[in-house]
C-alpha atoms as a PDB file:
ATOM      1  CA  MET A   1     114.602  52.694  33.658  1.00  0.00           C
ATOM      2  CA  ASP A   2     114.231  49.863  36.291  1.00  0.00           C
ATOM      3  CA  ASP A   3     111.535  48.253  33.954  1.00  0.00           C
ATOM      4  CA  ASP A   4     114.062  48.500  31.031  1.00  0.00           C
ATOM      5  CA  VAL A   5     116.697  46.866  32.999  1.00  0.00           C
ATOM      6  CA  ILE A   6     114.343  44.067  34.156  1.00  0.00           C
ATOM      7  CA  SER A   7     113.234  43.417  30.700  1.00  0.00           C
ATOM      8  CA  LEU A   8     116.804  43.230  29.508  1.00  0.00           C
ATOM      9  CA  VAL A   9     117.849  40.732  32.112  1.00  0.00           C
ATOM     10  CA  HIS A  10     114.523  38.514  31.324  1.00  0.00           C
ATOM     11  CA  ALA A  11     115.558  38.505  27.666  1.00  0.00           C
ATOM     12  CA  LEU A  12     119.271  37.964  28.397  1.00  0.00           C
ATOM     13  CA  GLY A  13     118.060  34.776  30.628  1.00  0.00           C
ATOM     14  CA  VAL A  14     116.192  33.297  27.784  1.00  0.00           C
ATOM     15  CA  PHE A  15     118.886  33.830  25.356  1.00  0.00           C
ATOM     16  CA  GLN A  16     121.402  32.377  27.847  1.00  0.00           C
ATOM     17  CA  GLY A  17     119.080  29.429  28.444  1.00  0.00           C
ATOM     18  CA  LEU A  18     118.740  28.630  24.891  1.00  0.00           C
ATOM     19  CA  ILE A  19     122.245  28.814  23.907  1.00  0.00           C
ATOM     20  CA  LEU A  20     123.639  26.750  26.905  1.00  0.00           C
ATOM     21  CA  GLY A  21     120.785  24.205  26.201  1.00  0.00           C
ATOM     22  CA  VAL A  22     121.686  23.973  22.532  1.00  0.00           C
ATOM     23  CA  ILE A  23     125.344  23.459  23.450  1.00  0.00           C
ATOM     24  CA  LEU A  24     124.404  20.598  25.921  1.00  0.00           C
ATOM     25  CA  LEU A  25     122.363  18.934  23.384  1.00  0.00           C
ATOM     26  CA  PHE A  26     125.130  18.528  20.917  1.00  0.00           C
ATOM     27  CA  ILE A  27     128.183  18.320  23.131  1.00  0.00           C
ATOM     28  CA  ASN A  28     129.975  15.197  22.435  1.00  0.00           C
ATOM     29  CA  ARG A  29     132.404  13.977  25.291  1.00  0.00           C
ATOM     30  CA  LYS A  30     133.213  10.637  26.657  1.00  0.00           C
ATOM     31  CA  ASN A  31     130.903   9.304  29.363  1.00  0.00           C
ATOM     32  CA  LYS A  32     128.462  12.293  28.965  1.00  0.00           C
ATOM     33  CA  SER A  33     124.617  12.342  28.880  1.00  0.00           C
ATOM     34  CA  THR A  34     123.733  15.979  28.535  1.00  0.00           C
ATOM     35  CA  PHE A  35     120.967  15.633  26.047  1.00  0.00           C
ATOM     36  CA  PHE A  36     118.026  15.788  28.587  1.00  0.00           C
ATOM     37  CA  LEU A  37     119.788  18.390  30.672  1.00  0.00           C
ATOM     38  CA  GLY A  38     119.979  20.431  27.327  1.00  0.00           C
ATOM     39  CA  LEU A  39     116.294  20.036  26.813  1.00  0.00           C
ATOM     40  CA  PHE A  40     115.580  20.852  30.355  1.00  0.00           C
ATOM     41  CA  LEU A  41     117.364  24.247  29.982  1.00  0.00           C
ATOM     42  CA  ILE A  42     115.824  25.109  26.762  1.00  0.00           C
ATOM     43  CA  GLY A  43     112.368  24.536  28.038  1.00  0.00           C
ATOM     44  CA  PHE A  44     113.126  26.403  31.513  1.00  0.00           C
ATOM     45  CA  ALA A  45     114.231  29.383  29.253  1.00  0.00           C
ATOM     46  CA  ILE A  46     111.333  29.335  27.010  1.00  0.00           C
ATOM     47  CA  GLU A  47     109.117  29.316  30.331  1.00  0.00           C
ATOM     48  CA  PHE A  48     109.891  32.912  30.718  1.00  0.00           C
ATOM     49  CA  LEU A  49     108.893  34.123  27.137  1.00  0.00           C
ATOM     50  CA  PRO A  50     105.556  35.146  28.478  1.00  0.00           C
ATOM     51  CA  VAL A  51     107.124  37.531  30.734  1.00  0.00           C
ATOM     52  CA  ILE A  52     109.156  39.256  27.738  1.00  0.00           C
ATOM     53  CA  LEU A  53     105.968  39.320  25.770  1.00  0.00           C
ATOM     54  CA  LYS A  54     104.425  41.156  28.629  1.00  0.00           C
ATOM     55  CA  ASP A  55     107.445  43.403  29.250  1.00  0.00           C
ATOM     56  CA  PHE A  56     107.708  44.469  25.688  1.00  0.00           C
ATOM     57  CA  LYS A  57     104.038  44.699  25.261  1.00  0.00           C
ATOM     58  CA  ILE A  58     103.953  42.338  22.390  1.00  0.00           C
ATOM     59  CA  LEU A  59     100.825  40.691  23.233  1.00  0.00           C
ATOM     60  CA  GLU A  60      99.078  44.078  22.946  1.00  0.00           C
ATOM     61  CA  ASN A  61     100.186  44.361  19.383  1.00  0.00           C
ATOM     62  CA  HIS A  62      99.905  40.822  18.240  1.00  0.00           C
ATOM     63  CA  PRO A  63      96.919  39.292  20.091  1.00  0.00           C
ATOM     64  CA  GLY A  64      97.334  36.250  18.015  1.00  0.00           C
ATOM     65  CA  LEU A  65     100.211  35.304  20.031  1.00  0.00           C
ATOM     66  CA  LEU A  66      97.837  34.778  22.951  1.00  0.00           C
ATOM     67  CA  LEU A  67      98.157  31.296  24.695  1.00  0.00           C
ATOM     68  CA  LEU A  68     101.560  30.444  22.868  1.00  0.00           C
ATOM     69  CA  PRO A  69     102.237  26.625  23.473  1.00  0.00           C
ATOM     70  CA  ILE A  70     105.253  27.344  25.419  1.00  0.00           C
ATOM     71  CA  SER A  71     104.390  26.243  28.988  1.00  0.00           C
ATOM     72  CA  PHE A  72     106.587  23.187  29.727  1.00  0.00           C
ATOM     73  CA  SER A  73     105.942  23.046  33.524  1.00  0.00           C
ATOM     74  CA  TRP A  74     104.472  19.321  32.929  1.00  0.00           C
ATOM     75  CA  ILE A  75     107.749  18.146  31.301  1.00  0.00           C
ATOM     76  CA  LEU A  76     110.682  20.123  32.706  1.00  0.00           C
ATOM     77  CA  PHE A  77     111.179  18.036  35.768  1.00  0.00           C
ATOM     78  CA  PRO A  78     110.617  14.744  33.991  1.00  0.00           C
ATOM     79  CA  LEU A  79     113.518  15.765  31.711  1.00  0.00           C
ATOM     80  CA  PHE A  80     115.704  16.565  34.557  1.00  0.00           C
ATOM     81  CA  PHE A  81     114.836  13.251  36.131  1.00  0.00           C
ATOM     82  CA  LEU A  82     115.892  11.382  32.882  1.00  0.00           C
ATOM     83  CA  TYR A  83     119.083  13.160  33.031  1.00  0.00           C
ATOM     84  CA  VAL A  84     119.730  12.133  36.576  1.00  0.00           C
ATOM     85  CA  GLN A  85     119.045   8.531  35.623  1.00  0.00           C
ATOM     86  CA  LYS A  86     121.370   8.693  32.385  1.00  0.00           C
ATOM     87  CA  ILE A  87     124.266   9.913  34.590  1.00  0.00           C
ATOM     88  CA  SER A  88     123.539   7.869  37.866  1.00  0.00           C
ATOM     89  CA  ILE A  89     125.087   4.376  38.893  1.00  0.00           C
ATOM     90  CA  PHE A  90     121.899   2.918  37.908  1.00  0.00           C
ATOM     91  CA  ALA A  91     122.151   3.907  34.310  1.00  0.00           C
ATOM     92  CA  HIS A  92     122.457   0.489  33.154  1.00  0.00           C
ATOM     93  CA  GLU A  93     118.803  -0.220  34.225  1.00  0.00           C
ATOM     94  CA  ARG A  94     115.658   0.714  32.077  1.00  0.00           C
ATOM     95  CA  VAL A  95     115.171   4.391  31.647  1.00  0.00           C
ATOM     96  CA  THR A  96     111.769   5.585  32.673  1.00  0.00           C
ATOM     97  CA  TYR A  97     110.611   7.394  29.532  1.00  0.00           C
ATOM     98  CA  ARG A  98     106.892   6.998  30.420  1.00  0.00           C
ATOM     99  CA  ILE A  99     107.294   9.966  33.075  1.00  0.00           C
ATOM    100  CA  LEU A 100     107.246  12.104  29.888  1.00  0.00           C
ATOM    101  CA  TYR A 101     103.962  11.091  28.624  1.00  0.00           C
ATOM    102  CA  PRO A 102     101.670  13.789  30.688  1.00  0.00           C
ATOM    103  CA  GLY A 103     104.414  16.447  29.611  1.00  0.00           C
ATOM    104  CA  VAL A 104     103.748  15.624  25.944  1.00  0.00           C
ATOM    105  CA  ILE A 105     100.114  15.475  26.280  1.00  0.00           C
ATOM    106  CA  SER A 106     100.036  18.823  27.915  1.00  0.00           C
ATOM    107  CA  ILE A 107     102.029  20.433  25.162  1.00  0.00           C
ATOM    108  CA  LEU A 108      99.684  18.989  22.501  1.00  0.00           C
ATOM    109  CA  PHE A 109      96.711  20.233  24.515  1.00  0.00           C
ATOM    110  CA  LEU A 110      98.195  23.882  24.557  1.00  0.00           C
ATOM    111  CA  PHE A 111      98.995  23.637  20.959  1.00  0.00           C
ATOM    112  CA  ILE A 112      95.391  22.767  20.076  1.00  0.00           C
ATOM    113  CA  LEU A 113      94.333  25.790  22.329  1.00  0.00           C
ATOM    114  CA  PHE A 114      96.684  27.956  20.492  1.00  0.00           C
ATOM    115  CA  LEU A 115      94.940  27.321  17.172  1.00  0.00           C
ATOM    116  CA  LEU A 116      91.502  28.017  18.411  1.00  0.00           C
ATOM    117  CA  PRO A 117      90.055  31.447  17.528  1.00  0.00           C
ATOM    118  CA  GLU A 118      91.006  34.432  19.375  1.00  0.00           C
ATOM    119  CA  SER A 119      87.465  35.089  20.787  1.00  0.00           C
ATOM    120  CA  THR A 120      87.447  31.510  22.159  1.00  0.00           C
ATOM    121  CA  LYS A 121      90.921  31.872  23.714  1.00  0.00           C
ATOM    122  CA  GLU A 122      89.867  35.155  25.391  1.00  0.00           C
ATOM    123  CA  TYR A 123      86.710  33.131  26.700  1.00  0.00           C
ATOM    124  CA  LEU A 124      88.965  30.359  27.959  1.00  0.00           C
ATOM    125  CA  ARG A 125      91.127  32.706  29.871  1.00  0.00           C
ATOM    126  CA  GLY A 126      87.993  33.960  31.696  1.00  0.00           C
ATOM    127  CA  THR A 127      87.510  30.453  33.063  1.00  0.00           C
ATOM    128  CA  TYR A 128      89.223  28.366  35.560  1.00  0.00           C
ATOM    129  CA  LEU A 129      90.755  26.216  33.117  1.00  0.00           C
ATOM    130  CA  PHE A 130      94.370  27.418  33.235  1.00  0.00           C
ATOM    131  CA  GLU A 131      94.405  27.649  36.992  1.00  0.00           C
ATOM    132  CA  ILE A 132      93.258  23.964  37.063  1.00  0.00           C
ATOM    133  CA  PHE A 133      95.959  23.236  34.351  1.00  0.00           C
ATOM    134  CA  PHE A 134      98.578  24.954  36.396  1.00  0.00           C
ATOM    135  CA  VAL A 135      97.724  23.213  39.633  1.00  0.00           C
ATOM    136  CA  LEU A 136      97.725  19.861  38.190  1.00  0.00           C
ATOM    137  CA  GLY A 137     101.048  20.613  36.472  1.00  0.00           C
ATOM    138  CA  LEU A 138     102.601  21.844  39.581  1.00  0.00           C
ATOM    139  CA  SER A 139     101.330  18.851  41.522  1.00  0.00           C
ATOM    140  CA  TYR A 140     102.950  16.435  38.867  1.00  0.00           C
ATOM    141  CA  SER A 141     106.263  18.490  39.052  1.00  0.00           C
ATOM    142  CA  LEU A 142     106.247  18.042  42.807  1.00  0.00           C
ATOM    143  CA  TYR A 143     105.831  14.297  42.525  1.00  0.00           C
ATOM    144  CA  ILE A 144     108.606  14.287  40.050  1.00  0.00           C
ATOM    145  CA  VAL A 145     110.933  16.344  42.328  1.00  0.00           C
ATOM    146  CA  VAL A 146     110.142  13.852  45.248  1.00  0.00           C
ATOM    147  CA  ARG A 147     111.190  11.000  43.015  1.00  0.00           C
ATOM    148  CA  ILE A 148     114.490  12.823  41.948  1.00  0.00           C
ATOM    149  CA  ASP A 149     115.248  13.268  45.599  1.00  0.00           C
ATOM    150  CA  LYS A 150     114.664   9.714  46.407  1.00  0.00           C
ATOM    151  CA  TYR A 151     116.453   8.521  43.342  1.00  0.00           C
ATOM    152  CA  VAL A 152     119.583  10.548  44.310  1.00  0.00           C
ATOM    153  CA  ARG A 153     119.367   9.296  47.847  1.00  0.00           C
ATOM    154  CA  ASN A 154     119.592   5.614  46.530  1.00  0.00           C
ATOM    155  CA  HIS A 155     122.385   6.652  44.090  1.00  0.00           C
ATOM    156  CA  THR A 156     124.467   8.140  46.836  1.00  0.00           C
ATOM    157  CA  GLU A 157     123.884   5.092  48.977  1.00  0.00           C
ATOM    158  CA  GLU A 158     124.997   2.586  46.313  1.00  0.00           C
ATOM    159  CA  VAL A 159     128.095   4.935  45.423  1.00  0.00           C
ATOM    160  CA  LYS A 160     129.123   4.745  49.018  1.00  0.00           C
ATOM    161  CA  ASN A 161     128.882   1.002  49.018  1.00  0.00           C
ATOM    162  CA  GLN A 162     130.955   0.765  45.790  1.00  0.00           C
ATOM    163  CA  PHE A 163     133.658   3.394  46.060  1.00  0.00           C
ATOM    164  CA  ALA A 164     136.200   4.470  48.715  1.00  0.00           C
ATOM    165  CA  THR A 165     136.323   7.918  47.233  1.00  0.00           C
ATOM    166  CA  VAL A 166     132.876   9.477  46.323  1.00  0.00           C
ATOM    167  CA  LYS A 167     133.970  13.049  45.275  1.00  0.00           C
ATOM    168  CA  ASN A 168     132.032  14.169  41.969  1.00  0.00           C
ATOM    169  CA  ARG A 169     129.929  10.789  42.350  1.00  0.00           C
ATOM    170  CA  GLN A 170     127.212  11.621  44.690  1.00  0.00           C
ATOM    171  CA  LEU A 171     125.184  14.022  42.387  1.00  0.00           C
ATOM    172  CA  GLN A 172     124.196  16.124  45.428  1.00  0.00           C
ATOM    173  CA  TRP A 173     124.103  19.331  43.270  1.00  0.00           C
ATOM    174  CA  THR A 174     121.283  17.944  41.383  1.00  0.00           C
ATOM    175  CA  ARG A 175     119.009  17.961  44.477  1.00  0.00           C
ATOM    176  CA  PHE A 176     120.039  21.480  45.450  1.00  0.00           C
ATOM    177  CA  PHE A 177     119.404  22.766  41.782  1.00  0.00           C
ATOM    178  CA  ILE A 178     116.047  21.066  41.141  1.00  0.00           C
ATOM    179  CA  VAL A 179     114.621  22.821  44.421  1.00  0.00           C
ATOM    180  CA  PHE A 180     116.124  26.086  43.582  1.00  0.00           C
ATOM    181  CA  CYS A 181     114.717  25.689  39.992  1.00  0.00           C
ATOM    182  CA  PHE A 182     111.312  24.773  41.433  1.00  0.00           C
ATOM    183  CA  VAL A 183     111.080  27.877  43.739  1.00  0.00           C
ATOM    184  CA  LEU A 184     112.176  30.316  41.200  1.00  0.00           C
ATOM    185  CA  VAL A 185     109.658  29.159  38.667  1.00  0.00           C
ATOM    186  CA  GLY A 186     107.006  29.346  41.133  1.00  0.00           C
ATOM    187  CA  ILE A 187     108.164  33.115  42.158  1.00  0.00           C
ATOM    188  CA  HIS A 188     108.196  34.001  38.480  1.00  0.00           C
ATOM    189  CA  ILE A 189     104.862  32.612  37.772  1.00  0.00           C
ATOM    190  CA  GLY A 190     103.647  34.335  41.099  1.00  0.00           C
ATOM    191  CA  THR A 191     105.084  37.687  39.627  1.00  0.00           C
ATOM    192  CA  LEU A 192     102.538  37.452  36.787  1.00  0.00           C
ATOM    193  CA  PHE A 193      99.672  37.802  39.345  1.00  0.00           C
ATOM    194  CA  ILE A 194     101.133  39.780  42.023  1.00  0.00           C
ATOM    195  CA  LYS A 195     102.996  43.056  41.471  1.00  0.00           C
ATOM    196  CA  VAL A 196     106.229  42.911  43.426  1.00  0.00           C
ATOM    197  CA  ALA A 197     108.770  45.832  43.928  1.00  0.00           C
ATOM    198  CA  PRO A 198     111.342  46.177  40.809  1.00  0.00           C
ATOM    199  CA  VAL A 199     114.251  45.746  42.897  1.00  0.00           C
ATOM    200  CA  LEU A 200     113.175  42.253  44.018  1.00  0.00           C
ATOM    201  CA  GLU A 201     111.887  41.311  40.587  1.00  0.00           C
ATOM    202  CA  LEU A 202     115.499  42.242  39.309  1.00  0.00           C
ATOM    203  CA  LEU A 203     117.042  40.182  41.991  1.00  0.00           C
ATOM    204  CA  ILE A 204     114.870  37.214  41.081  1.00  0.00           C
ATOM    205  CA  SER A 205     115.851  37.395  37.276  1.00  0.00           C
ATOM    206  CA  CYS A 206     119.539  37.749  38.128  1.00  0.00           C
ATOM    207  CA  ALA A 207     119.289  34.645  40.394  1.00  0.00           C
ATOM    208  CA  SER A 208     117.691  32.753  37.351  1.00  0.00           C
ATOM    209  CA  LEU A 209     120.526  33.877  35.140  1.00  0.00           C
ATOM    210  CA  ILE A 210     122.983  32.554  37.692  1.00  0.00           C
ATOM    211  CA  LEU A 211     121.119  29.318  38.237  1.00  0.00           C
ATOM    212  CA  VAL A 212     120.903  28.575  34.455  1.00  0.00           C
ATOM    213  CA  PHE A 213     124.571  29.171  34.076  1.00  0.00           C
ATOM    214  CA  SER A 214     125.372  27.070  37.015  1.00  0.00           C
ATOM    215  CA  ILE A 215     123.305  24.235  35.984  1.00  0.00           C
ATOM    216  CA  ALA A 216     124.982  24.168  32.423  1.00  0.00           C
ATOM    217  CA  ILE A 217     128.580  24.255  33.962  1.00  0.00           C
ATOM    218  CA  SER A 218     127.584  21.649  36.475  1.00  0.00           C
ATOM    219  CA  GLY A 219     126.292  19.386  33.652  1.00  0.00           C
ATOM    220  CA  ILE A 220     129.559  19.894  31.598  1.00  0.00           C
ATOM    221  CA  ILE A 221     131.624  19.107  34.532  1.00  0.00           C
ATOM    222  CA  GLN A 222     129.595  16.084  35.860  1.00  0.00           C
ATOM    223  CA  TYR A 223     130.732  12.813  34.170  1.00  0.00           C
ATOM    224  CA  ASN A 224     128.652   9.642  34.303  1.00  0.00           C
ATOM    225  CA  VAL A 225     128.896   7.651  37.491  1.00  0.00           C
ATOM    226  CA  PHE A 226     129.493   4.078  36.020  1.00  0.00           C
ATOM    227  CA  SER A 227     128.902   1.188  38.527  1.00  0.00           C
ATOM    228  CA  ALA A 228     132.024  -0.743  39.342  1.00  0.00           C
ATOM    229  CA  VAL A 229     130.098  -3.901  39.993  1.00  0.00           C
ATOM    230  CA  GLN A 230     128.389  -3.621  36.698  1.00  0.00           C
ATOM    231  CA  HIS A 231     131.513  -3.553  34.685  1.00  0.00           C
ATOM    232  CA  ALA A 232     133.229  -6.073  36.936  1.00  0.00           C
ATOM    233  CA  ASN A 233     134.283  -9.561  35.778  1.00  0.00           C
ATOM    234  CA  LEU A 234     132.410 -11.473  38.566  1.00  0.00           C
ATOM    235  CA  PRO A 235     133.735 -15.062  39.530  1.00  0.00           C
ATOM    236  CA  VAL A 236     130.955 -15.919  41.641  1.00  0.00           C
ATOM    237  CA  LYS A 237     127.171 -14.863  42.465  1.00  0.00           C
ATOM    238  CA  ALA A 238     126.099 -13.019  45.393  1.00  0.00           C
ATOM    239  CA  THR A 239     125.064 -15.050  48.242  1.00  0.00           C
ATOM    240  CA  ILE A 240     124.335 -12.754  51.296  1.00  0.00           C
ATOM    241  CA  LYS A 241     121.060 -11.329  50.023  1.00  0.00           C
ATOM    242  CA  GLN A 242     119.787 -14.856  49.792  1.00  0.00           C
ATOM    243  CA  GLY A 243     119.997 -15.185  53.677  1.00  0.00           C
ATOM    244  CA  VAL A 244     123.113 -16.618  55.226  1.00  0.00           C
ATOM    245  CA  SER A 245     123.943 -17.062  58.950  1.00  0.00           C
ATOM    246  CA  LYS A 246     125.781 -14.716  61.264  1.00  0.00           C
ATOM    247  CA  GLU A 247     128.721 -17.145  61.241  1.00  0.00           C
ATOM    248  CA  LYS A 248     128.923 -16.899  57.468  1.00  0.00           C
ATOM    249  CA  VAL A 249     129.031 -13.093  57.675  1.00  0.00           C
ATOM    250  CA  LEU A 250     131.634 -13.113  60.432  1.00  0.00           C
ATOM    251  CA  ASP A 251     133.783 -15.341  58.417  1.00  0.00           C
ATOM    252  CA  LEU A 252     133.524 -13.062  55.437  1.00  0.00           C
ATOM    253  CA  ILE A 253     134.177 -10.021  57.570  1.00  0.00           C
ATOM    254  CA  ASN A 254     137.318 -11.515  59.035  1.00  0.00           C
ATOM    255  CA  LYS A 255     138.715 -12.472  55.496  1.00  0.00           C
ATOM    256  CA  ILE A 256     138.023  -8.815  54.445  1.00  0.00           C
ATOM    257  CA  ASP A 257     139.449  -7.170  57.490  1.00  0.00           C
ATOM    258  CA  ASP A 258     142.769  -9.446  57.493  1.00  0.00           C
ATOM    259  CA  TYR A 259     143.146  -8.668  53.622  1.00  0.00           C
ATOM    260  CA  VAL A 260     142.530  -4.989  53.981  1.00  0.00           C
ATOM    261  CA  ILE A 261     144.833  -4.569  57.141  1.00  0.00           C
ATOM    262  CA  ASP A 262     147.576  -7.034  55.876  1.00  0.00           C
ATOM    263  CA  THR A 263     147.918  -5.320  52.338  1.00  0.00           C
ATOM    264  CA  GLY A 264     147.154  -1.765  53.231  1.00  0.00           C
ATOM    265  CA  ILE A 265     144.963  -1.607  50.271  1.00  0.00           C
ATOM    266  CA  TYR A 266     142.773   1.014  51.792  1.00  0.00           C
ATOM    267  CA  THR A 267     145.644   3.710  50.836  1.00  0.00           C
ATOM    268  CA  LYS A 268     144.598   3.129  47.297  1.00  0.00           C
ATOM    269  CA  GLN A 269     143.030   6.308  46.091  1.00  0.00           C
ATOM    270  CA  ASP A 270     140.645   4.935  43.515  1.00  0.00           C
ATOM    271  CA  LEU A 271     139.890   1.775  45.629  1.00  0.00           C
ATOM    272  CA  THR A 272     136.383   0.227  45.027  1.00  0.00           C
ATOM    273  CA  VAL A 273     134.656  -2.832  46.439  1.00  0.00           C
ATOM    274  CA  VAL A 274     135.491  -4.919  43.300  1.00  0.00           C
ATOM    275  CA  ASP A 275     139.251  -4.423  44.183  1.00  0.00           C
ATOM    276  CA  ILE A 276     138.749  -6.398  47.349  1.00  0.00           C
ATOM    277  CA  SER A 277     136.224  -8.927  46.081  1.00  0.00           C
ATOM    278  CA  THR A 278     138.352  -9.814  43.133  1.00  0.00           C
ATOM    279  CA  ALA A 279     141.405 -10.568  45.462  1.00  0.00           C
ATOM    280  CA  LEU A 280     139.147 -12.613  47.804  1.00  0.00           C
ATOM    281  CA  GLU A 281     137.151 -14.323  44.913  1.00  0.00           C
ATOM    282  CA  LEU A 282     133.986 -12.923  46.283  1.00  0.00           C
ATOM    283  CA  HIS A 283     131.020 -11.167  44.603  1.00  0.00           C
ATOM    284  CA  PRO A 284     131.190  -7.465  45.191  1.00  0.00           C
ATOM    285  CA  LYS A 285     127.748  -7.355  46.821  1.00  0.00           C
ATOM    286  CA  ASP A 286     128.758  -9.923  49.296  1.00  0.00           C
ATOM    287  CA  VAL A 287     131.662  -7.659  50.394  1.00  0.00           C
ATOM    288  CA  SER A 288     129.486  -4.508  50.784  1.00  0.00           C
ATOM    289  CA  ASN A 289     126.605  -6.477  52.412  1.00  0.00           C
ATOM    290  CA  ALA A 290     128.814  -8.129  54.930  1.00  0.00           C
ATOM    291  CA  ILE A 291     130.187  -4.735  55.903  1.00  0.00           C
ATOM    292  CA  ASN A 292     126.517  -3.293  56.019  1.00  0.00           C
ATOM    293  CA  LYS A 293     125.338  -6.189  58.160  1.00  0.00           C
ATOM    294  CA  HIS A 294     128.304  -6.558  60.483  1.00  0.00           C
ATOM    295  CA  TYR A 295     129.497  -3.088  61.041  1.00  0.00           C
ATOM    296  CA  ASN A 296     126.408  -1.163  60.141  1.00  0.00           C
ATOM    297  CA  LYS A 297     128.483   1.031  57.747  1.00  0.00           C
ATOM    298  CA  ASN A 298     129.011   1.533  54.061  1.00  0.00           C
ATOM    299  CA  PHE A 299     132.168   0.669  52.137  1.00  0.00           C
ATOM    300  CA  ASN A 300     133.099   4.170  52.106  1.00  0.00           C
ATOM    301  CA  THR A 301     132.797   4.659  55.810  1.00  0.00           C
ATOM    302  CA  TYR A 302     134.647   1.272  56.487  1.00  0.00           C
ATOM    303  CA  ILE A 303     137.660   2.117  54.268  1.00  0.00           C
ATOM    304  CA  ASN A 304     137.970   5.858  55.487  1.00  0.00           C
ATOM    305  CA  GLU A 305     138.044   4.466  59.072  1.00  0.00           C
ATOM    306  CA  PHE A 306     141.317   2.662  58.270  1.00  0.00           C
ATOM    307  CA  ARG A 307     142.635   5.707  56.583  1.00  0.00           C
ATOM    308  CA  ILE A 308     141.844   7.813  59.472  1.00  0.00           C
ATOM    309  CA  LYS A 309     143.632   5.460  62.029  1.00  0.00           C
ATOM    310  CA  LYS A 310     146.639   5.387  59.690  1.00  0.00           C
ATOM    311  CA  ALA A 311     146.723   9.129  59.583  1.00  0.00           C
ATOM    312  CA  GLN A 312     146.488   9.375  63.364  1.00  0.00           C
ATOM    313  CA  GLU A 313     149.446   6.929  63.737  1.00  0.00           C
ATOM    314  CA  LEU A 314     151.467   9.193  61.454  1.00  0.00           C
ATOM    315  CA  LEU A 315     150.196  12.449  63.043  1.00  0.00           C
ATOM    316  CA  ARG A 316     151.527  11.145  66.529  1.00  0.00           C
ATOM    317  CA  THR A 317     154.869  11.206  64.862  1.00  0.00           C
ATOM    318  CA  ASP A 318     157.176  14.075  63.666  1.00  0.00           C
ATOM    319  CA  ILE A 319     156.118  13.261  60.164  1.00  0.00           C
ATOM    320  CA  LEU A 320     154.988  17.052  59.551  1.00  0.00           C
ATOM    321  CA  ASN A 321     158.651  17.953  59.525  1.00  0.00           C
ATOM    322  CA  ASN A 322     158.882  16.454  56.063  1.00  0.00           C
ATOM    323  CA  LEU A 323     155.343  15.999  55.114  1.00  0.00           C
ATOM    324  CA  SER A 324     152.365  18.517  54.865  1.00  0.00           C
ATOM    325  CA  ILE A 325     148.864  17.771  55.750  1.00  0.00           C
ATOM    326  CA  GLU A 326     147.947  17.426  52.248  1.00  0.00           C
ATOM    327  CA  GLY A 327     150.744  14.915  51.609  1.00  0.00           C
ATOM    328  CA  ILE A 328     149.450  12.937  54.747  1.00  0.00           C
ATOM    329  CA  SER A 329     145.963  12.784  53.079  1.00  0.00           C
ATOM    330  CA  ARG A 330     147.309  11.403  49.837  1.00  0.00           C
ATOM    331  CA  GLU A 331     149.514   9.036  51.773  1.00  0.00           C
ATOM    332  CA  VAL A 332     146.672   7.299  53.556  1.00  0.00           C
ATOM    333  CA  GLY A 333     144.329   7.373  50.237  1.00  0.00           C
ATOM    334  CA  PHE A 334     142.395  10.611  50.266  1.00  0.00           C
ATOM    335  CA  HIS A 335     142.084  12.378  47.090  1.00  0.00           C
ATOM    336  CA  SER A 336     142.071  15.705  48.236  1.00  0.00           C
ATOM    337  CA  LYS A 337     142.773  17.685  51.578  1.00  0.00           C
ATOM    338  CA  ALA A 338     139.252  18.803  51.851  1.00  0.00           C
ATOM    339  CA  SER A 339     137.830  15.298  52.015  1.00  0.00           C
ATOM    340  CA  PHE A 340     140.490  14.290  54.360  1.00  0.00           C
ATOM    341  CA  TYR A 341     139.857  17.297  56.783  1.00  0.00           C
ATOM    342  CA  ALA A 342     136.185  16.499  56.508  1.00  0.00           C
ATOM    343  CA  ALA A 343     136.591  12.670  57.187  1.00  0.00           C
ATOM    344  CA  PHE A 344     139.128  13.336  60.033  1.00  0.00           C
ATOM    345  CA  LYS A 345     137.040  15.668  61.962  1.00  0.00           C
ATOM    346  CA  LYS A 346     134.009  13.617  61.657  1.00  0.00           C
ATOM    347  CA  ALA A 347     135.820  10.649  63.013  1.00  0.00           C
ATOM    348  CA  THR A 348     137.775  12.403  65.595  1.00  0.00           C
ATOM    349  CA  GLY A 349     135.842  15.694  66.460  1.00  0.00           C
ATOM    350  CA  THR A 350     138.938  17.751  65.611  1.00  0.00           C
ATOM    351  CA  THR A 351     141.405  18.813  62.758  1.00  0.00           C
ATOM    352  CA  PRO A 352     144.670  16.902  61.846  1.00  0.00           C
ATOM    353  CA  MET A 353     146.627  19.825  62.862  1.00  0.00           C
ATOM    354  CA  ASN A 354     144.986  20.118  66.218  1.00  0.00           C
ATOM    355  CA  TYR A 355     145.143  16.244  66.662  1.00  0.00           C
ATOM    356  CA  HIS A 356     149.078  16.508  65.942  1.00  0.00           C
ATOM    357  CA  ILE A 357     149.668  19.293  68.503  1.00  0.00           C
ATOM    358  CA  GLU A 358     147.369  17.582  71.180  1.00  0.00           C
ATOM    359  CA  THR A 359     149.038  14.117  70.862  1.00  0.00           C
ATOM    360  CA  SER A 360     152.619  15.544  70.479  1.00  0.00           C
ATOM    361  CA  LYS A 361     152.146  17.122  74.079  1.00  0.00           C
ATOM    362  CA  SER A 362     151.490  13.885  75.623  1.00  0.00           C
END
């Protein structure tokens, strides 16, 4: 009975991955780039077909299906990398399609092997050819995973240099899922060679189901992160990167600080570096680079410090008699209570409510 349940979960996982992948292929919503994510999910689901063929003893009855060209280990993570590129803040830059070449070649190689006579395929299975093929594919996938991690780190850094509100823009979920996917694929492949307890195999299969569903939902929810600088009407060119004196940077910082404080623009929830640069007739890169160089902070942290200081001023009064913590968070520019709590505790070491209680006693 356990084997039947596991086989059913395997089959359900493949079916779910194929359906969700097809949906992502053809979903047509504004600011979406889910085509490559759809291909990734389809390939991820098909990767588990050999397990199903083994569960239902299909290969025993149809030996001609041996070595089906359905191993996409070389191309799965490159597809996910392209998806990340397409939705990231660097989407306007050239997309790296060449990382797909090894995957395409590997699929052609497997297709040629599949067309060979059964006796030849049986002979090849007795050699180290497929072990070598698997190790090389695993190594290439690891290389792509490292590139994805670095790419998302750079994306997150640039987002924080352009936006005061970074919620749903950092793509951190992609780093978590790519590692989780890689671990699960490795475990599933390991089960082909090492016998594991039925309960453990069932848990692994259920985890795969949840993972595939979560990736699809995250892909549907995640909108493209457009660069505020890329779409801005820039009046001047950036100058700081070309090398300027400390006096020049200090002069820019004084202008930026004065403008932010005098206008209270930091309370604008959708504030970007372009809003400030446009008002001061500066290039956005000059604003963010000046903040980076002088304060050693990104634009997001810089603006949040003004918001936290304003929140502290409010919390030292009896404002909570008329306004909730969530109301204060929106008053000072935060999109949500959760982001306000996180930023406040990071800056002060305590929660807004505790701060209010402590300061009201003095």
